[in-house]
N, C-alpha and C. Protein backbone atom coordinates (compact mmCIF):
# COMPACT_ATOMS: atom_id res chain seq x y z
N GLY A 1 0.61 -1.29 -0.16
CA GLY A 1 0.49 0.52 0.28
C GLY A 1 0.87 0.71 -0.18
N TYR A 2 0.51 1.80 -0.02
CA TYR A 2 1.20 3.60 0.12
C TYR A 2 1.37 4.01 1.64
N PHE A 3 2.76 4.02 1.42
CA PHE A 3 3.75 4.38 2.78
C PHE A 3 3.54 5.65 3.16
N MET A 4 4.51 5.99 2.00
CA MET A 4 5.15 7.25 2.24
C MET A 4 4.30 9.04 2.06
N LYS A 5 4.20 9.08 3.60
CA LYS A 5 3.04 10.37 2.95
C LYS A 5 4.08 11.66 3.46
N LYS A 6 5.97 11.75 3.04
CA LYS A 6 6.61 13.03 3.80
C LYS A 6 6.92 12.62 2.47
N VAL A 7 7.92 14.45 2.79
CA VAL A 7 9.62 13.99 1.46
C VAL A 7 10.69 14.36 2.94
N THR A 8 10.87 12.90 3.22
CA THR A 8 12.35 13.29 4.07
C THR A 8 12.96 12.21 3.46
N GLU A 9 14.00 12.20 4.15
CA GLU A 9 15.11 11.78 3.16
C GLU A 9 15.52 10.36 2.91
N HIS A 10 14.26 9.67 3.84
CA HIS A 10 15.19 8.13 4.60
C HIS A 10 13.67 7.65 2.95
N ASN A 11 12.05 8.52 2.52
CA ASN A 11 11.17 7.91 1.86
C ASN A 11 12.03 8.75 0.14
N LEU A 12 12.62 9.86 0.20
CA LEU A 12 12.92 9.68 -0.92
C LEU A 12 14.36 9.16 -1.90
N ARG A 13 14.76 7.84 -0.49
CA ARG A 13 15.38 7.02 -1.06
C ARG A 13 14.68 6.44 -1.35
N LYS A 14 13.06 5.77 -0.86
CA LYS A 14 12.31 4.09 -0.70
C LYS A 14 11.90 4.67 -2.36
N PHE A 15 12.28 6.23 -2.72
CA PHE A 15 11.67 6.18 -4.23
C PHE A 15 12.30 6.32 -5.53
N ILE A 16 13.07 6.21 -5.03
CA ILE A 16 14.57 6.76 -5.76
C ILE A 16 14.70 4.49 -5.96
N GLU A 17 14.17 3.73 -4.95
CA GLU A 17 14.86 2.52 -5.40
C GLU A 17 13.32 2.36 -6.56
N MET A 18 12.33 2.24 -5.58
CA MET A 18 11.13 2.45 -6.45
C MET A 18 11.05 2.67 -8.24
N LYS A 19 11.49 4.18 -8.39
CA LYS A 19 11.97 3.72 -9.68
C LYS A 19 12.88 3.72 -10.41
N LYS A 20 14.26 3.25 -9.60
CA LYS A 20 14.88 1.63 -10.69
C LYS A 20 14.30 0.56 -10.62
N ARG A 21 13.37 -0.01 -9.62
CA ARG A 21 12.80 -1.23 -9.80
C ARG A 21 12.29 -1.37 -11.10
N TYR A 22 11.24 -0.35 -11.08
CA TYR A 22 10.24 0.34 -12.20
C TYR A 22 10.80 0.64 -13.13
N LEU A 23 11.97 1.23 -13.86
CA LEU A 23 13.54 1.13 -14.65
C LEU A 23 13.12 -0.45 -15.37
N LYS A 24 13.71 -1.16 -13.83
CA LYS A 24 13.88 -3.04 -14.94
C LYS A 24 12.23 -3.83 -15.03
N THR A 25 11.64 -3.85 -14.31
CA THR A 25 10.32 -4.53 -13.84
C THR A 25 9.39 -3.87 -15.36
N LYS A 26 9.21 -2.24 -15.07
CA LYS A 26 8.76 -1.97 -16.19
C LYS A 26 6.57 -2.41 -14.79
N ASP A 27 6.69 -2.42 -13.82
CA ASP A 27 5.54 -3.05 -12.60
C ASP A 27 4.41 -1.43 -12.48
N LYS A 28 3.60 -1.86 -12.89
CA LYS A 28 2.42 -1.06 -12.95
C LYS A 28 1.85 -0.32 -11.74
N ASN A 29 1.83 -1.61 -11.17
CA ASN A 29 1.39 -1.07 -9.30
C ASN A 29 2.63 0.17 -8.94
N LEU A 30 3.64 -0.76 -9.15
CA LEU A 30 5.22 0.61 -8.77
C LEU A 30 5.00 1.48 -9.34
N LEU A 31 4.63 1.96 -10.76
CA LEU A 31 3.83 3.49 -11.19
C LEU A 31 2.89 3.46 -10.70
N GLN A 32 1.89 3.31 -10.24
CA GLN A 32 1.04 3.59 -9.83
C GLN A 32 1.54 4.60 -8.29
N GLU A 33 1.92 3.81 -7.63
CA GLU A 33 2.22 4.87 -6.30
C GLU A 33 4.17 5.89 -6.53
N ILE A 34 4.23 5.53 -7.92
CA ILE A 34 5.53 6.44 -7.87
C ILE A 34 4.92 8.29 -8.51
N ASN A 35 3.68 7.53 -9.33
CA ASN A 35 2.62 8.39 -9.34
C ASN A 35 2.31 9.62 -8.13
N ASP A 36 1.85 8.52 -7.45
CA ASP A 36 0.81 9.23 -6.13
C ASP A 36 2.31 10.02 -4.97
N PHE A 37 3.33 9.53 -5.16
CA PHE A 37 4.28 10.03 -4.31
C PHE A 37 4.37 11.24 -5.05
N THR A 38 4.66 11.01 -5.96
CA THR A 38 4.74 12.69 -6.54
C THR A 38 3.59 13.43 -7.00
N GLU A 39 2.26 13.02 -6.95
CA GLU A 39 1.57 14.39 -6.97
C GLU A 39 1.22 15.05 -6.09
N ASN A 40 0.92 13.42 -4.94
CA ASN A 40 0.37 12.94 -3.50
C ASN A 40 1.44 14.25 -2.54
N VAL A 41 2.59 13.61 -2.59
CA VAL A 41 3.87 14.18 -2.18
C VAL A 41 4.12 15.51 -2.48
N ILE A 42 5.31 15.00 -3.41
CA ILE A 42 6.63 16.07 -3.99
C ILE A 42 6.07 17.84 -4.39
N ASN A 43 5.39 17.05 -4.82
CA ASN A 43 4.42 17.92 -5.51
C ASN A 43 3.89 19.43 -4.64
N GLN A 44 2.74 18.80 -3.18
CA GLN A 44 2.40 19.41 -2.78
C GLN A 44 3.66 20.50 -1.11
N ASP A 45 4.72 19.93 -1.33
CA ASP A 45 5.97 20.14 -0.65
C ASP A 45 6.38 21.53 -1.35
N LYS A 46 6.17 22.59 -0.76
CA LYS A 46 6.61 24.00 -1.46
C LYS A 46 7.86 23.87 -1.06
N LYS A 47 8.79 23.51 -0.13
CA LYS A 47 9.64 23.49 0.44
C LYS A 47 10.98 21.74 -0.45
N TYR A 48 10.45 21.80 -1.58
CA TYR A 48 10.58 20.08 -1.65
C TYR A 48 12.38 20.71 -2.31
N TYR A 49 12.89 21.26 -3.02
CA TYR A 49 14.04 21.64 -3.42
C TYR A 49 14.72 22.48 -2.63
N SER A 50 14.25 22.79 -1.75
CA SER A 50 15.28 23.11 -0.28
C SER A 50 15.72 22.02 0.73
N LYS A 51 14.76 21.02 0.29
CA LYS A 51 14.96 20.09 1.73
C LYS A 51 15.99 19.16 0.62
N LEU A 52 15.48 19.26 -0.81
CA LEU A 52 16.96 17.99 -1.35
C LEU A 52 18.32 18.46 -1.70
N SER A 53 18.46 19.78 -1.79
CA SER A 53 19.33 20.58 -1.62
C SER A 53 20.04 20.04 0.08
N SER A 54 19.48 19.40 1.07
CA SER A 54 20.25 19.26 1.99
C SER A 54 19.77 17.96 2.51
N TYR A 55 20.11 16.95 1.48
CA TYR A 55 19.81 15.62 2.01
C TYR A 55 20.92 15.19 1.45
N ASN A 56 22.19 15.71 0.67
CA ASN A 56 23.22 15.52 0.19
C ASN A 56 23.39 13.93 -0.79
N PHE A 57 22.35 14.09 -1.50
CA PHE A 57 22.40 13.06 -2.27
C PHE A 57 22.61 12.76 -3.58
N SER A 58 23.76 12.12 -4.10
CA SER A 58 24.88 12.29 -6.04
C SER A 58 24.20 12.89 -6.31
N SER A 59 24.91 13.39 -7.82
CA SER A 59 24.11 13.58 -9.12
C SER A 59 23.04 12.66 -9.90
N GLU A 60 23.51 11.35 -9.02
CA GLU A 60 23.07 10.14 -9.89
C GLU A 60 21.65 9.65 -9.50
N GLU A 61 21.94 10.28 -7.90
CA GLU A 61 20.20 9.60 -7.34
C GLU A 61 19.20 11.14 -7.90
N LEU A 62 19.98 12.22 -7.74
CA LEU A 62 19.29 13.52 -7.94
C LEU A 62 18.32 14.00 -8.72
N GLU A 63 19.22 12.80 -10.56
CA GLU A 63 18.51 12.86 -11.11
C GLU A 63 16.94 11.70 -10.99
N PHE A 64 16.89 11.09 -10.22
CA PHE A 64 15.79 10.49 -9.83
C PHE A 64 14.74 10.96 -9.79
N LEU A 65 14.43 12.42 -8.66
CA LEU A 65 14.77 13.66 -7.67
C LEU A 65 13.40 14.79 -8.32
N MET A 66 14.05 15.32 -9.93
CA MET A 66 14.09 16.17 -10.38
C MET A 66 12.84 16.09 -11.57
């Protein structure tokens, strides 16, 4: 089910793993979770980009988060 309700470093790391897994599996349920998190959490968080810069993600990781 849908477990991530906030933009936190931990949730964004999970989100990256979900996206990587999706690239390999093309699992439609995973895509739904990715889209839900993007729409309902990331897009609702006005501080998203400032949080990103404070979490020390690598360039590769940031590509998944933009």
